[in-house]
Amino acid sequence: MDLAGITYLTSRYSEEYGTSPKARNRSIFMTMLSLAIGFYAVYLSWTCNSAAGLGTGYKVFWALCAWMFGTIYLLYYVLFRRAECRALKNA
């Protein structure tokens, strides 16, 4: 799930259950998880595109896409790009 989806779910959870400590802890956990997924997706995107020799503009664009769609990008990376990026890094 991307950042917008997690934010929506945590805000909906807070509306339904109030601002109890449990709700706040869940919201903090979901935000931290979303940030971690986003940063890891950006890292993978940047390093793979750097190894491929793309220009900075393209790397920034793909990094922003990876940030916004973090979980989807990680699935894409695992299914399609991992082998290609490893081959580029080892070459």
Protein backbone atom coordinates (compact mmCIF):
# COMPACT_ATOMS: atom_id res chain seq x y z
CA MET A 1 0.00 0.00 0.00
CA ASP A 2 1.33 3.42 -0.83
CA LEU A 3 1.60 6.46 1.41
CA ALA A 4 -1.82 7.87 0.52
CA GLY A 5 -3.55 4.58 1.27
CA ILE A 6 -1.88 4.17 4.63
CA THR A 7 -2.66 7.78 5.56
CA TYR A 8 -6.31 7.23 4.64
CA LEU A 9 -6.53 4.05 6.69
CA THR A 10 -4.88 5.56 9.75
CA SER A 11 -7.07 8.69 9.61
CA ARG A 12 -10.19 6.54 9.22
CA TYR A 13 -9.08 4.37 12.14
CA SER A 14 -8.58 7.50 14.29
CA GLU A 15 -12.03 8.81 13.36
CA GLU A 16 -13.72 5.54 14.29
CA TYR A 17 -11.89 4.85 17.52
CA GLY A 18 -10.97 8.33 18.71
CA THR A 19 -7.54 9.40 19.82
CA SER A 20 -6.84 6.65 22.29
CA PRO A 21 -3.21 5.67 22.92
CA LYS A 22 -3.77 2.48 20.94
CA ALA A 23 -4.99 4.45 17.92
CA ARG A 24 -2.07 6.86 18.14
CA ASN A 25 0.44 4.01 18.43
CA ARG A 26 -1.06 2.30 15.40
CA SER A 27 -0.97 5.54 13.45
CA ILE A 28 2.67 6.13 14.36
CA PHE A 29 3.59 2.56 13.43
CA MET A 30 1.82 2.78 10.07
CA THR A 31 3.48 6.10 9.29
CA MET A 32 6.93 4.74 10.15
CA LEU A 33 6.29 1.62 8.07
CA SER A 34 5.16 3.74 5.13
CA LEU A 35 8.25 5.94 5.38
CA ALA A 36 10.53 2.90 5.55
CA ILE A 37 8.90 1.34 2.48
CA GLY A 38 9.11 4.64 0.61
CA PHE A 39 12.78 5.23 1.43
CA TYR A 40 13.72 1.68 0.48
CA ALA A 41 11.83 1.94 -2.83
CA VAL A 42 13.59 5.24 -3.60
CA TYR A 43 16.96 3.70 -2.74
CA LEU A 44 16.39 0.71 -5.02
CA SER A 45 15.13 2.91 -7.83
CA TRP A 46 18.04 5.34 -7.59
CA THR A 47 20.77 2.70 -7.40
CA CYS A 48 19.36 0.60 -10.22
CA ASN A 49 18.85 3.60 -12.49
CA SER A 50 22.35 4.86 -11.65
CA ALA A 51 23.80 1.50 -12.64
CA ALA A 52 21.81 1.68 -15.89
CA GLY A 53 23.37 5.08 -16.64
CA LEU A 54 20.19 7.17 -16.68
CA GLY A 55 20.40 10.93 -16.32
CA THR A 56 19.60 12.74 -13.10
CA GLY A 57 16.21 13.97 -14.31
CA TYR A 58 15.05 10.45 -15.08
CA LYS A 59 16.39 9.16 -11.77
CA VAL A 60 14.51 11.87 -9.86
CA PHE A 61 11.30 11.14 -11.78
CA TRP A 62 11.49 7.39 -11.13
CA ALA A 63 12.47 7.97 -7.50
CA LEU A 64 9.34 10.11 -7.00
CA CYS A 65 7.21 7.40 -8.63
CA ALA A 66 8.82 4.80 -6.37
CA TRP A 67 8.09 6.98 -3.32
CA MET A 68 4.43 7.51 -4.20
CA PHE A 69 3.79 3.86 -5.09
CA GLY A 70 6.24 2.24 -2.69
CA THR A 71 4.71 -1.20 -2.25
CA ILE A 72 3.83 -1.49 -5.92
CA TYR A 73 7.37 -0.48 -6.89
CA LEU A 74 8.87 -3.05 -4.53
CA LEU A 75 6.74 -5.78 -6.10
CA TYR A 76 7.76 -4.58 -9.58
CA TYR A 77 11.40 -4.56 -8.54
CA VAL A 78 11.31 -8.07 -7.10
CA LEU A 79 9.40 -9.54 -10.04
CA PHE A 80 11.07 -7.76 -12.97
CA ARG A 81 14.06 -5.56 -12.17
CA ARG A 82 16.13 -7.39 -9.56
CA ALA A 83 18.03 -9.64 -11.95
CA GLU A 84 18.62 -6.78 -14.39
CA CYS A 85 19.94 -4.49 -11.66
CA ARG A 86 22.23 -7.15 -10.25
CA ALA A 87 23.67 -7.75 -13.73
CA LEU A 88 24.24 -4.01 -14.20
CA LYS A 89 25.94 -3.65 -10.82
CA ASN A 90 28.26 -6.61 -11.46
CA ALA A 91 29.21 -5.49 -14.98
